[in-house]
PDB file of N, CA and C in Angstrom:
ATOM      1  N   MET A   1     108.658  93.495  80.465  1.00  0.00           N
ATOM      2  CA  MET A   1     108.189  92.654  79.392  1.00  0.00           C
ATOM      3  C   MET A   1     106.783  92.159  79.739  1.00  0.00           C
ATOM      4  N   VAL A   2     105.889  92.247  78.822  1.00  0.00           N
ATOM      5  CA  VAL A   2     104.507  91.814  79.022  1.00  0.00           C
ATOM      6  C   VAL A   2     104.444  90.299  78.946  1.00  0.00           C
ATOM      7  N   GLN A   3     103.739  89.700  79.900  1.00  0.00           N
ATOM      8  CA  GLN A   3     103.572  88.248  79.936  1.00  0.00           C
ATOM      9  C   GLN A   3     102.152  87.909  79.487  1.00  0.00           C
ATOM     10  N   TYR A   4     102.041  86.971  78.594  1.00  0.00           N
ATOM     11  CA  TYR A   4     100.725  86.574  78.099  1.00  0.00           C
ATOM     12  C   TYR A   4     100.169  85.368  78.844  1.00  0.00           C
ATOM     13  N   ASN A   5     100.952  84.806  79.729  1.00  0.00           N
ATOM     14  CA  ASN A   5     100.527  83.649  80.492  1.00  0.00           C
ATOM     15  C   ASN A   5     100.723  83.963  81.973  1.00  0.00           C
ATOM     16  N   ILE A   6      99.674  83.826  82.754  1.00  0.00           N
ATOM     17  CA  ILE A   6      99.739  84.167  84.177  1.00  0.00           C
ATOM     18  C   ILE A   6     100.764  83.307  84.919  1.00  0.00           C
ATOM     19  N   LYS A   7     101.084  82.152  84.397  1.00  0.00           N
ATOM     20  CA  LYS A   7     102.077  81.281  85.026  1.00  0.00           C
ATOM     21  C   LYS A   7     103.478  81.886  84.986  1.00  0.00           C
ATOM     22  N   ASN A   8     103.713  82.842  84.104  1.00  0.00           N
ATOM     23  CA  ASN A   8     105.030  83.460  83.981  1.00  0.00           C
ATOM     24  C   ASN A   8     105.240  84.636  84.936  1.00  0.00           C
ATOM     25  N   ILE A   9     104.211  85.046  85.648  1.00  0.00           N
ATOM     26  CA  ILE A   9     104.331  86.158  86.589  1.00  0.00           C
ATOM     27  C   ILE A   9     105.001  85.631  87.851  1.00  0.00           C
ATOM     28  N   PRO A  10     106.027  86.319  88.346  1.00  0.00           N
ATOM     29  CA  PRO A  10     106.710  85.845  89.565  1.00  0.00           C
ATOM     30  C   PRO A  10     105.731  85.661  90.727  1.00  0.00           C
ATOM     31  N   ILE A  11     105.842  84.543  91.410  1.00  0.00           N
ATOM     32  CA  ILE A  11     104.900  84.175  92.472  1.00  0.00           C
ATOM     33  C   ILE A  11     104.924  85.159  93.640  1.00  0.00           C
ATOM     34  N   ILE A  12     106.036  85.827  93.880  1.00  0.00           N
ATOM     35  CA  ILE A  12     106.150  86.772  94.991  1.00  0.00           C
ATOM     36  C   ILE A  12     105.187  87.951  94.839  1.00  0.00           C
ATOM     37  N   ILE A  13     104.766  88.232  93.635  1.00  0.00           N
ATOM     38  CA  ILE A  13     103.883  89.369  93.384  1.00  0.00           C
ATOM     39  C   ILE A  13     102.486  89.139  93.962  1.00  0.00           C
ATOM     40  N   TYR A  14     102.009  87.913  93.966  1.00  0.00           N
ATOM     41  CA  TYR A  14     100.656  87.634  94.454  1.00  0.00           C
ATOM     42  C   TYR A  14     100.437  88.047  95.909  1.00  0.00           C
ATOM     43  N   PRO A  15     101.268  87.588  96.848  1.00  0.00           N
ATOM     44  CA  PRO A  15     101.023  88.005  98.238  1.00  0.00           C
ATOM     45  C   PRO A  15     101.244  89.501  98.451  1.00  0.00           C
ATOM     46  N   ILE A  16     102.175  90.066  97.714  1.00  0.00           N
ATOM     47  CA  ILE A  16     102.413  91.505  97.869  1.00  0.00           C
ATOM     48  C   ILE A  16     101.163  92.275  97.489  1.00  0.00           C
ATOM     49  N   PHE A  17     100.550  91.904  96.386  1.00  0.00           N
ATOM     50  CA  PHE A  17      99.336  92.606  95.965  1.00  0.00           C
ATOM     51  C   PHE A  17      98.146  92.286  96.866  1.00  0.00           C
ATOM     52  N   LEU A  18      97.949  91.026  97.194  1.00  0.00           N
ATOM     53  CA  LEU A  18      96.792  90.656  98.011  1.00  0.00           C
ATOM     54  C   LEU A  18      96.883  91.236  99.418  1.00  0.00           C
ATOM     55  N   ILE A  19      97.992  91.017 100.073  1.00  0.00           N
ATOM     56  CA  ILE A  19      98.160  91.516 101.435  1.00  0.00           C
ATOM     57  C   ILE A  19      98.341  93.028 101.429  1.00  0.00           C
ATOM     58  N   GLY A  20      99.179  93.501 100.531  1.00  0.00           N
ATOM     59  CA  GLY A  20      99.433  94.941 100.450  1.00  0.00           C
ATOM     60  C   GLY A  20      98.182  95.742 100.162  1.00  0.00           C
ATOM     61  N   PHE A  21      97.400  95.303  99.211  1.00  0.00           N
ATOM     62  CA  PHE A  21      96.170  96.023  98.876  1.00  0.00           C
ATOM     63  C   PHE A  21      95.194  95.978 100.040  1.00  0.00           C
ATOM     64  N   THR A  22      95.073  94.836 100.680  1.00  0.00           N
ATOM     65  CA  THR A  22      94.157  94.696 101.813  1.00  0.00           C
ATOM     66  C   THR A  22      94.528  95.647 102.942  1.00  0.00           C
ATOM     67  N   LEU A  23      95.798  95.789 103.218  1.00  0.00           N
ATOM     68  CA  LEU A  23      96.238  96.650 104.312  1.00  0.00           C
ATOM     69  C   LEU A  23      96.179  98.137 103.953  1.00  0.00           C
ATOM     70  N   THR A  24      96.560  98.465 102.729  1.00  0.00           N
ATOM     71  CA  THR A  24      96.626  99.887 102.358  1.00  0.00           C
ATOM     72  C   THR A  24      95.266 100.477 102.029  1.00  0.00           C
ATOM     73  N   ILE A  25      94.319  99.680 101.626  1.00  0.00           N
ATOM     74  CA  ILE A  25      93.014 100.211 101.220  1.00  0.00           C
ATOM     75  C   ILE A  25      92.295 100.889 102.384  1.00  0.00           C
ATOM     76  N   ASN A  26      92.736 100.661 103.587  1.00  0.00           N
ATOM     77  CA  ASN A  26      92.144 101.314 104.753  1.00  0.00           C
ATOM     78  C   ASN A  26      92.263 102.836 104.699  1.00  0.00           C
ATOM     79  N   PHE A  27      93.107 103.357 103.832  1.00  0.00           N
ATOM     80  CA  PHE A  27      93.256 104.810 103.771  1.00  0.00           C
ATOM     81  C   PHE A  27      91.958 105.498 103.334  1.00  0.00           C
ATOM     82  N   ILE A  28      91.080 104.797 102.645  1.00  0.00           N
ATOM     83  CA  ILE A  28      89.828 105.425 102.219  1.00  0.00           C
ATOM     84  C   ILE A  28      88.891 105.700 103.393  1.00  0.00           C
ATOM     85  N   ASP A  29      89.150 105.043 104.532  1.00  0.00           N
ATOM     86  CA  ASP A  29      88.311 105.256 105.713  1.00  0.00           C
ATOM     87  C   ASP A  29      88.734 106.470 106.540  1.00  0.00           C
ATOM     88  N   ILE A  30      89.899 107.021 106.261  1.00  0.00           N
ATOM     89  CA  ILE A  30      90.394 108.152 107.054  1.00  0.00           C
ATOM     90  C   ILE A  30      89.475 109.354 106.924  1.00  0.00           C
ATOM     91  N   LYS A  31      89.079 109.664 105.708  1.00  0.00           N
ATOM     92  CA  LYS A  31      88.241 110.853 105.500  1.00  0.00           C
ATOM     93  C   LYS A  31      86.833 110.698 106.076  1.00  0.00           C
ATOM     94  N   ASP A  32      86.395 109.472 106.278  1.00  0.00           N
ATOM     95  CA  ASP A  32      85.048 109.205 106.791  1.00  0.00           C
ATOM     96  C   ASP A  32      85.028 108.961 108.294  1.00  0.00           C
ATOM     97  N   TYR A  33      86.111 109.280 108.975  1.00  0.00           N
ATOM     98  CA  TYR A  33      86.257 108.954 110.396  1.00  0.00           C
ATOM     99  C   TYR A  33      85.080 109.435 111.239  1.00  0.00           C
ATOM    100  N   ARG A  34      84.747 110.700 111.136  1.00  0.00           N
ATOM    101  CA  ARG A  34      83.680 111.260 111.991  1.00  0.00           C
ATOM    102  C   ARG A  34      82.323 110.589 111.730  1.00  0.00           C
ATOM    103  N   GLY A  35      81.992 110.426 110.475  1.00  0.00           N
ATOM    104  CA  GLY A  35      80.717 109.796 110.125  1.00  0.00           C
ATOM    105  C   GLY A  35      80.662 108.342 110.545  1.00  0.00           C
ATOM    106  N   ASP A  36      81.760 107.614 110.312  1.00  0.00           N
ATOM    107  CA  ASP A  36      81.806 106.206 110.711  1.00  0.00           C
ATOM    108  C   ASP A  36      81.712 106.059 112.227  1.00  0.00           C
ATOM    109  N   LYS A  37      82.390 106.943 112.947  1.00  0.00           N
ATOM    110  CA  LYS A  37      82.344 106.882 114.411  1.00  0.00           C
ATOM    111  C   LYS A  37      80.935 107.157 114.911  1.00  0.00           C
ATOM    112  N   LYS A  38      80.295 108.148 114.319  1.00  0.00           N
ATOM    113  CA  LYS A  38      78.930 108.519 114.719  1.00  0.00           C
ATOM    114  C   LYS A  38      77.949 107.376 114.468  1.00  0.00           C
ATOM    115  N   LEU A  39      78.133 106.660 113.361  1.00  0.00           N
ATOM    116  CA  LEU A  39      77.237 105.558 113.005  1.00  0.00           C
ATOM    117  C   LEU A  39      77.656 104.220 113.621  1.00  0.00           C
ATOM    118  N   GLY A  40      78.797 104.208 114.309  1.00  0.00           N
ATOM    119  CA  GLY A  40      79.255 102.978 114.949  1.00  0.00           C
ATOM    120  C   GLY A  40      79.871 101.978 113.987  1.00  0.00           C
ATOM    121  N   ILE A  41      80.351 102.448 112.852  1.00  0.00           N
ATOM    122  CA  ILE A  41      80.980 101.563 111.868  1.00  0.00           C
ATOM    123  C   ILE A  41      82.420 101.311 112.301  1.00  0.00           C
ATOM    124  N   LYS A  42      82.797 100.062 112.399  1.00  0.00           N
ATOM    125  CA  LYS A  42      84.108  99.672 112.909  1.00  0.00           C
ATOM    126  C   LYS A  42      85.156  99.684 111.798  1.00  0.00           C
ATOM    127  N   THR A  43      85.776 100.819 111.580  1.00  0.00           N
ATOM    128  CA  THR A  43      86.884 100.927 110.644  1.00  0.00           C
ATOM    129  C   THR A  43      88.166 101.084 111.450  1.00  0.00           C
ATOM    130  N   LEU A  44      89.285 100.932 110.799  1.00  0.00           N
ATOM    131  CA  LEU A  44      90.563 101.085 111.481  1.00  0.00           C
ATOM    132  C   LEU A  44      90.702 102.457 112.148  1.00  0.00           C
ATOM    133  N   PRO A  45      90.367 103.559 111.464  1.00  0.00           N
ATOM    134  CA  PRO A  45      90.444 104.855 112.138  1.00  0.00           C
ATOM    135  C   PRO A  45      89.513 104.983 113.347  1.00  0.00           C
ATOM    136  N   VAL A  46      88.351 104.359 113.296  1.00  0.00           N
ATOM    137  CA  VAL A  46      87.424 104.411 114.430  1.00  0.00           C
ATOM    138  C   VAL A  46      87.985 103.583 115.589  1.00  0.00           C
ATOM    139  N   LEU A  47      88.526 102.428 115.306  1.00  0.00           N
ATOM    140  CA  LEU A  47      89.040 101.545 116.345  1.00  0.00           C
ATOM    141  C   LEU A  47      90.317 102.078 116.997  1.00  0.00           C
ATOM    142  N   MET A  48      91.203 102.674 116.194  1.00  0.00           N
ATOM    143  CA  MET A  48      92.497 103.114 116.714  1.00  0.00           C
ATOM    144  C   MET A  48      92.597 104.620 116.930  1.00  0.00           C
ATOM    145  N   GLY A  49      91.689 105.352 116.344  1.00  0.00           N
ATOM    146  CA  GLY A  49      91.804 106.807 116.353  1.00  0.00           C
ATOM    147  C   GLY A  49      92.492 107.256 115.074  1.00  0.00           C
ATOM    148  N   PRO A  50      92.203 108.469 114.635  1.00  0.00           N
ATOM    149  CA  PRO A  50      92.738 108.905 113.346  1.00  0.00           C
ATOM    150  C   PRO A  50      94.265 109.009 113.303  1.00  0.00           C
ATOM    151  N   LYS A  51      94.877 109.487 114.357  1.00  0.00           N
ATOM    152  CA  LYS A  51      96.329 109.687 114.334  1.00  0.00           C
ATOM    153  C   LYS A  51      97.089 108.354 114.270  1.00  0.00           C
ATOM    154  N   LYS A  52      96.729 107.419 115.137  1.00  0.00           N
ATOM    155  CA  LYS A  52      97.402 106.114 115.151  1.00  0.00           C
ATOM    156  C   LYS A  52      97.122 105.327 113.870  1.00  0.00           C
ATOM    157  N   SER A  53      95.890 105.413 113.382  1.00  0.00           N
ATOM    158  CA  SER A  53      95.562 104.661 112.170  1.00  0.00           C
ATOM    159  C   SER A  53      96.297 105.232 110.959  1.00  0.00           C
ATOM    160  N   LYS A  54      96.476 106.549 110.913  1.00  0.00           N
ATOM    161  CA  LYS A  54      97.240 107.142 109.812  1.00  0.00           C
ATOM    162  C   LYS A  54      98.687 106.663 109.839  1.00  0.00           C
ATOM    163  N   LEU A  55      99.268 106.579 111.020  1.00  0.00           N
ATOM    164  CA  LEU A  55     100.635 106.064 111.135  1.00  0.00           C
ATOM    165  C   LEU A  55     100.714 104.612 110.668  1.00  0.00           C
ATOM    166  N   LEU A  56      99.748 103.799 111.089  1.00  0.00           N
ATOM    167  CA  LEU A  56      99.749 102.392 110.711  1.00  0.00           C
ATOM    168  C   LEU A  56      99.506 102.216 109.210  1.00  0.00           C
ATOM    169  N   ILE A  57      98.552 102.926 108.673  1.00  0.00           N
ATOM    170  CA  ILE A  57      98.266 102.830 107.233  1.00  0.00           C
ATOM    171  C   ILE A  57      99.459 103.340 106.431  1.00  0.00           C
ATOM    172  N   GLY A  58     100.076 104.418 106.899  1.00  0.00           N
ATOM    173  CA  GLY A  58     101.285 104.919 106.246  1.00  0.00           C
ATOM    174  C   GLY A  58     102.393 103.879 106.264  1.00  0.00           C
ATOM    175  N   LEU A  59     102.518 103.150 107.377  1.00  0.00           N
ATOM    176  CA  LEU A  59     103.503 102.081 107.475  1.00  0.00           C
ATOM    177  C   LEU A  59     103.181 100.946 106.505  1.00  0.00           C
ATOM    178  N   PHE A  60     101.890 100.610 106.370  1.00  0.00           N
ATOM    179  CA  PHE A  60     101.486  99.582 105.397  1.00  0.00           C
ATOM    180  C   PHE A  60     101.916  99.980 103.990  1.00  0.00           C
ATOM    181  N   PHE A  61     101.643 101.232 103.621  1.00  0.00           N
ATOM    182  CA  PHE A  61     102.072 101.721 102.301  1.00  0.00           C
ATOM    183  C   PHE A  61     103.589 101.638 102.176  1.00  0.00           C
ATOM    184  N   PHE A  62     104.288 102.116 103.194  1.00  0.00           N
ATOM    185  CA  PHE A  62     105.740 102.139 103.165  1.00  0.00           C
ATOM    186  C   PHE A  62     106.299 100.741 102.917  1.00  0.00           C
ATOM    187  N   LEU A  63     105.811  99.772 103.667  1.00  0.00           N
ATOM    188  CA  LEU A  63     106.293  98.397 103.511  1.00  0.00           C
ATOM    189  C   LEU A  63     105.956  97.827 102.135  1.00  0.00           C
ATOM    190  N   GLY A  64     104.783  98.164 101.629  1.00  0.00           N
ATOM    191  CA  GLY A  64     104.411  97.717 100.283  1.00  0.00           C
ATOM    192  C   GLY A  64     105.381  98.234  99.233  1.00  0.00           C
ATOM    193  N   TYR A  65     105.743  99.497  99.341  1.00  0.00           N
ATOM    194  CA  TYR A  65     106.696 100.062  98.395  1.00  0.00           C
ATOM    195  C   TYR A  65     108.087  99.464  98.561  1.00  0.00           C
ATOM    196  N   VAL A  66     108.474  99.145  99.788  1.00  0.00           N
ATOM    197  CA  VAL A  66     109.773  98.508 100.013  1.00  0.00           C
ATOM    198  C   VAL A  66     109.799  97.128  99.362  1.00  0.00           C
ATOM    199  N   PHE A  67     108.708  96.382  99.461  1.00  0.00           N
ATOM    200  CA  PHE A  67     108.638  95.077  98.801  1.00  0.00           C
ATOM    201  C   PHE A  67     108.719  95.220  97.277  1.00  0.00           C
ATOM    202  N   ILE A  68     108.045  96.224  96.760  1.00  0.00           N
ATOM    203  CA  ILE A  68     108.110  96.463  95.310  1.00  0.00           C
ATOM    204  C   ILE A  68     109.540  96.833  94.913  1.00  0.00           C
ATOM    205  N   PHE A  69     110.200  97.643  95.729  1.00  0.00           N
ATOM    206  CA  PHE A  69     111.609  97.977  95.471  1.00  0.00           C
ATOM    207  C   PHE A  69     112.458  96.704  95.437  1.00  0.00           C
ATOM    208  N   TYR A  70     112.197  95.805  96.368  1.00  0.00           N
ATOM    209  CA  TYR A  70     112.934  94.548  96.431  1.00  0.00           C
ATOM    210  C   TYR A  70     112.808  93.767  95.113  1.00  0.00           C
ATOM    211  N   ILE A  71     111.655  93.804  94.508  1.00  0.00           N
ATOM    212  CA  ILE A  71     111.420  93.089  93.252  1.00  0.00           C
ATOM    213  C   ILE A  71     112.044  93.818  92.067  1.00  0.00           C
ATOM    214  N   THR A  72     111.840  95.145  92.009  1.00  0.00           N
ATOM    215  CA  THR A  72     112.233  95.908  90.821  1.00  0.00           C
ATOM    216  C   THR A  72     113.623  96.527  90.900  1.00  0.00           C
ATOM    217  N   GLN A  73     114.108  96.765  92.121  1.00  0.00           N
ATOM    218  CA  GLN A  73     115.371  97.458  92.357  1.00  0.00           C
ATOM    219  C   GLN A  73     115.362  98.895  91.829  1.00  0.00           C
ATOM    220  N   LEU A  74     114.164  99.459  91.678  1.00  0.00           N
ATOM    221  CA  LEU A  74     114.031 100.859  91.251  1.00  0.00           C
ATOM    222  C   LEU A  74     113.946 101.743  92.492  1.00  0.00           C
ATOM    223  N   ILE A  75     114.916 102.626  92.666  1.00  0.00           N
ATOM    224  CA  ILE A  75     114.972 103.510  93.831  1.00  0.00           C
ATOM    225  C   ILE A  75     113.735 104.410  93.914  1.00  0.00           C
ATOM    226  N   LEU A  76     113.065 104.595  92.797  1.00  0.00           N
ATOM    227  CA  LEU A  76     111.841 105.393  92.766  1.00  0.00           C
ATOM    228  C   LEU A  76     110.831 104.889  93.798  1.00  0.00           C
ATOM    229  N   PHE A  77     110.773 103.598  94.021  1.00  0.00           N
ATOM    230  CA  PHE A  77     109.794 103.045  94.964  1.00  0.00           C
ATOM    231  C   PHE A  77     110.131 103.369  96.417  1.00  0.00           C
ATOM    232  N   ILE A  78     111.396 103.571  96.720  1.00  0.00           N
ATOM    233  CA  ILE A  78     111.768 104.016  98.063  1.00  0.00           C
ATOM    234  C   ILE A  78     111.320 105.464  98.248  1.00  0.00           C
ATOM    235  N   ILE A  79     111.514 106.267  97.227  1.00  0.00           N
ATOM    236  CA  ILE A  79     111.072 107.668  97.268  1.00  0.00           C
ATOM    237  C   ILE A  79     109.547 107.729  97.418  1.00  0.00           C
ATOM    238  N   LEU A  80     108.848 106.896  96.657  1.00  0.00           N
ATOM    239  CA  LEU A  80     107.389 106.860  96.742  1.00  0.00           C
ATOM    240  C   LEU A  80     106.912 106.359  98.105  1.00  0.00           C
ATOM    241  N   ALA A  81     107.671 105.482  98.731  1.00  0.00           N
ATOM    242  CA  ALA A  81     107.319 104.996 100.069  1.00  0.00           C
ATOM    243  C   ALA A  81     107.280 106.156 101.057  1.00  0.00           C
ATOM    244  N   PHE A  82     108.319 106.980 101.021  1.00  0.00           N
ATOM    245  CA  PHE A  82     108.361 108.140 101.913  1.00  0.00           C
ATOM    246  C   PHE A  82     107.282 109.158 101.551  1.00  0.00           C
ATOM    247  N   LEU A  83     107.048 109.350 100.248  1.00  0.00           N
ATOM    248  CA  LEU A  83     106.024 110.300  99.800  1.00  0.00           C
ATOM    249  C   LEU A  83     104.636 109.868 100.267  1.00  0.00           C
ATOM    250  N   GLN A  84     104.293 108.596 100.094  1.00  0.00           N
ATOM    251  CA  GLN A  84     102.975 108.122 100.525  1.00  0.00           C
ATOM    252  C   GLN A  84     102.818 108.237 102.038  1.00  0.00           C
ATOM    253  N   PHE A  85     103.855 107.900 102.776  1.00  0.00           N
ATOM    254  CA  PHE A  85     103.778 108.018 104.226  1.00  0.00           C
ATOM    255  C   PHE A  85     103.513 109.475 104.616  1.00  0.00           C
ATOM    256  N   TYR A  86     104.208 110.377 103.962  1.00  0.00           N
ATOM    257  CA  TYR A  86     104.007 111.808 104.229  1.00  0.00           C
ATOM    258  C   TYR A  86     102.588 112.238 103.873  1.00  0.00           C
ATOM    259  N   LEU A  87     102.112 111.861 102.690  1.00  0.00           N
ATOM    260  CA  LEU A  87     100.776 112.280 102.245  1.00  0.00           C
ATOM    261  C   LEU A  87      99.679 111.772 103.173  1.00  0.00           C
ATOM    262  N   ILE A  88      99.837 110.569 103.683  1.00  0.00           N
ATOM    263  CA  ILE A  88      98.821 110.003 104.568  1.00  0.00           C
ATOM    264  C   ILE A  88      98.836 110.690 105.929  1.00  0.00           C
ATOM    265  N   ASN A  89     100.001 111.034 106.410  1.00  0.00           N
ATOM    266  CA  ASN A  89     100.113 111.604 107.748  1.00  0.00           C
ATOM    267  C   ASN A  89     100.137 113.120 107.770  1.00  0.00           C
ATOM    268  N   LYS A  90     100.014 113.726 106.607  1.00  0.00           N
ATOM    269  CA  LYS A  90      99.973 115.176 106.509  1.00  0.00           C
ATOM    270  C   LYS A  90      98.737 115.703 107.247  1.00  0.00           C
ATOM    271  N   LYS A  91      98.883 116.844 107.870  1.00  0.00           N
ATOM    272  CA  LYS A  91      97.771 117.413 108.637  1.00  0.00           C
ATOM    273  C   LYS A  91      96.555 117.676 107.744  1.00  0.00           C
ATOM    274  N   SER A  92      96.788 118.293 106.590  1.00  0.00           N
ATOM    275  CA  SER A  92      95.672 118.536 105.656  1.00  0.00           C
ATOM    276  C   SER A  92      95.622 117.367 104.666  1.00  0.00           C
ATOM    277  N   TYR A  93      94.970 116.305 105.083  1.00  0.00           N
ATOM    278  CA  TYR A  93      94.881 115.049 104.342  1.00  0.00           C
ATOM    279  C   TYR A  93      94.057 115.226 103.071  1.00  0.00           C
ATOM    280  N   LYS A  94      94.630 114.870 101.925  1.00  0.00           N
ATOM    281  CA  LYS A  94      93.932 114.922 100.629  1.00  0.00           C
ATOM    282  C   LYS A  94      94.040 113.549  99.966  1.00  0.00           C
ATOM    283  N   GLU A  95      92.927 112.845  99.947  1.00  0.00           N
ATOM    284  CA  GLU A  95      92.890 111.483  99.427  1.00  0.00           C
ATOM    285  C   GLU A  95      93.296 111.400  97.959  1.00  0.00           C
ATOM    286  N   LYS A  96      92.954 112.409  97.164  1.00  0.00           N
ATOM    287  CA  LYS A  96      93.222 112.345  95.723  1.00  0.00           C
ATOM    288  C   LYS A  96      94.710 112.229  95.422  1.00  0.00           C
ATOM    289  N   TYR A  97      95.568 112.850  96.239  1.00  0.00           N
ATOM    290  CA  TYR A  97      97.006 112.771  96.003  1.00  0.00           C
ATOM    291  C   TYR A  97      97.539 111.369  96.308  1.00  0.00           C
ATOM    292  N   ILE A  98      96.952 110.727  97.283  1.00  0.00           N
ATOM    293  CA  ILE A  98      97.351 109.360  97.603  1.00  0.00           C
ATOM    294  C   ILE A  98      96.961 108.429  96.459  1.00  0.00           C
ATOM    295  N   PHE A  99      95.752 108.619  95.926  1.00  0.00           N
ATOM    296  CA  PHE A  99      95.315 107.831  94.768  1.00  0.00           C
ATOM    297  C   PHE A  99      96.227 108.059  93.571  1.00  0.00           C
ATOM    298  N   ILE A 100      96.577 109.297  93.305  1.00  0.00           N
ATOM    299  CA  ILE A 100      97.428 109.618  92.151  1.00  0.00           C
ATOM    300  C   ILE A 100      98.776 108.918  92.270  1.00  0.00           C
ATOM    301  N   VAL A 101      99.423 109.051  93.412  1.00  0.00           N
ATOM    302  CA  VAL A 101     100.733 108.412  93.610  1.00  0.00           C
ATOM    303  C   VAL A 101     100.597 106.892  93.547  1.00  0.00           C
ATOM    304  N   TYR A 102      99.560 106.368  94.163  1.00  0.00           N
ATOM    305  CA  TYR A 102      99.343 104.913  94.180  1.00  0.00           C
ATOM    306  C   TYR A 102      99.150 104.373  92.763  1.00  0.00           C
ATOM    307  N   LEU A 103      98.308 105.008  91.985  1.00  0.00           N
ATOM    308  CA  LEU A 103      98.036 104.534  90.627  1.00  0.00           C
ATOM    309  C   LEU A 103      99.238 104.722  89.705  1.00  0.00           C
ATOM    310  N   LEU A 104      99.937 105.842  89.840  1.00  0.00           N
ATOM    311  CA  LEU A 104     101.138 106.040  89.028  1.00  0.00           C
ATOM    312  C   LEU A 104     102.218 105.017  89.372  1.00  0.00           C
ATOM    313  N   SER A 105     102.350 104.706  90.645  1.00  0.00           N
ATOM    314  CA  SER A 105     103.341 103.708  91.046  1.00  0.00           C
ATOM    315  C   SER A 105     102.956 102.330  90.523  1.00  0.00           C
ATOM    316  N   LEU A 106     101.668 102.045  90.472  1.00  0.00           N
ATOM    317  CA  LEU A 106     101.214 100.776  89.912  1.00  0.00           C
ATOM    318  C   LEU A 106     101.582 100.679  88.425  1.00  0.00           C
ATOM    319  N   VAL A 107     101.399 101.758  87.691  1.00  0.00           N
ATOM    320  CA  VAL A 107     101.765 101.786  86.272  1.00  0.00           C
ATOM    321  C   VAL A 107     103.275 101.583  86.110  1.00  0.00           C
ATOM    322  N   VAL A 108     104.076 102.266  86.902  1.00  0.00           N
ATOM    323  CA  VAL A 108     105.530 102.119  86.840  1.00  0.00           C
ATOM    324  C   VAL A 108     105.925 100.680  87.164  1.00  0.00           C
ATOM    325  N   PHE A 109     105.282 100.107  88.178  1.00  0.00           N
ATOM    326  CA  PHE A 109     105.581  98.727  88.550  1.00  0.00           C
ATOM    327  C   PHE A 109     105.267  97.763  87.406  1.00  0.00           C
ATOM    328  N   ILE A 110     104.102  97.917  86.821  1.00  0.00           N
ATOM    329  CA  ILE A 110     103.722  97.025  85.708  1.00  0.00           C
ATOM    330  C   ILE A 110     104.675  97.173  84.541  1.00  0.00           C
ATOM    331  N   LEU A 111     105.038  98.399  84.228  1.00  0.00           N
ATOM    332  CA  LEU A 111     105.965  98.634  83.117  1.00  0.00           C
ATOM    333  C   LEU A 111     107.370  98.098  83.416  1.00  0.00           C
ATOM    334  N   SER A 112     107.731  98.046  84.692  1.00  0.00           N
ATOM    335  CA  SER A 112     109.075  97.558  85.051  1.00  0.00           C
ATOM    336  C   SER A 112     109.189  96.046  84.966  1.00  0.00           C
ATOM    337  N   LEU A 113     108.045  95.364  84.936  1.00  0.00           N
ATOM    338  CA  LEU A 113     108.094  93.907  84.820  1.00  0.00           C
ATOM    339  C   LEU A 113     108.381  93.563  83.402  1.00  0.00           C
TER     340      LEU A 113
END
């Protein structure tokens, strides 16, 4: 159901989006690892290495989807949690697929409210 007043949005959604988005957005730095390292830019992949940072970022996504599942009770979000973790940690990393799943899940989440 669409809410026309921000006061009607469940309060639990705010930290999930703020913290979740902050933690998961690090995935955009994975593809720039070599360039960032060469230029001395301190990103999560540069600080931890690409393999460890992919695991951590994948875990951030996974936990975000689990929290969304907790709110919506839609099993689809558990499936998406595993899918995002796989896409991030896949050997041939393709950022566009992560964006597609992320944005589609956002649409499903909004529609489920």
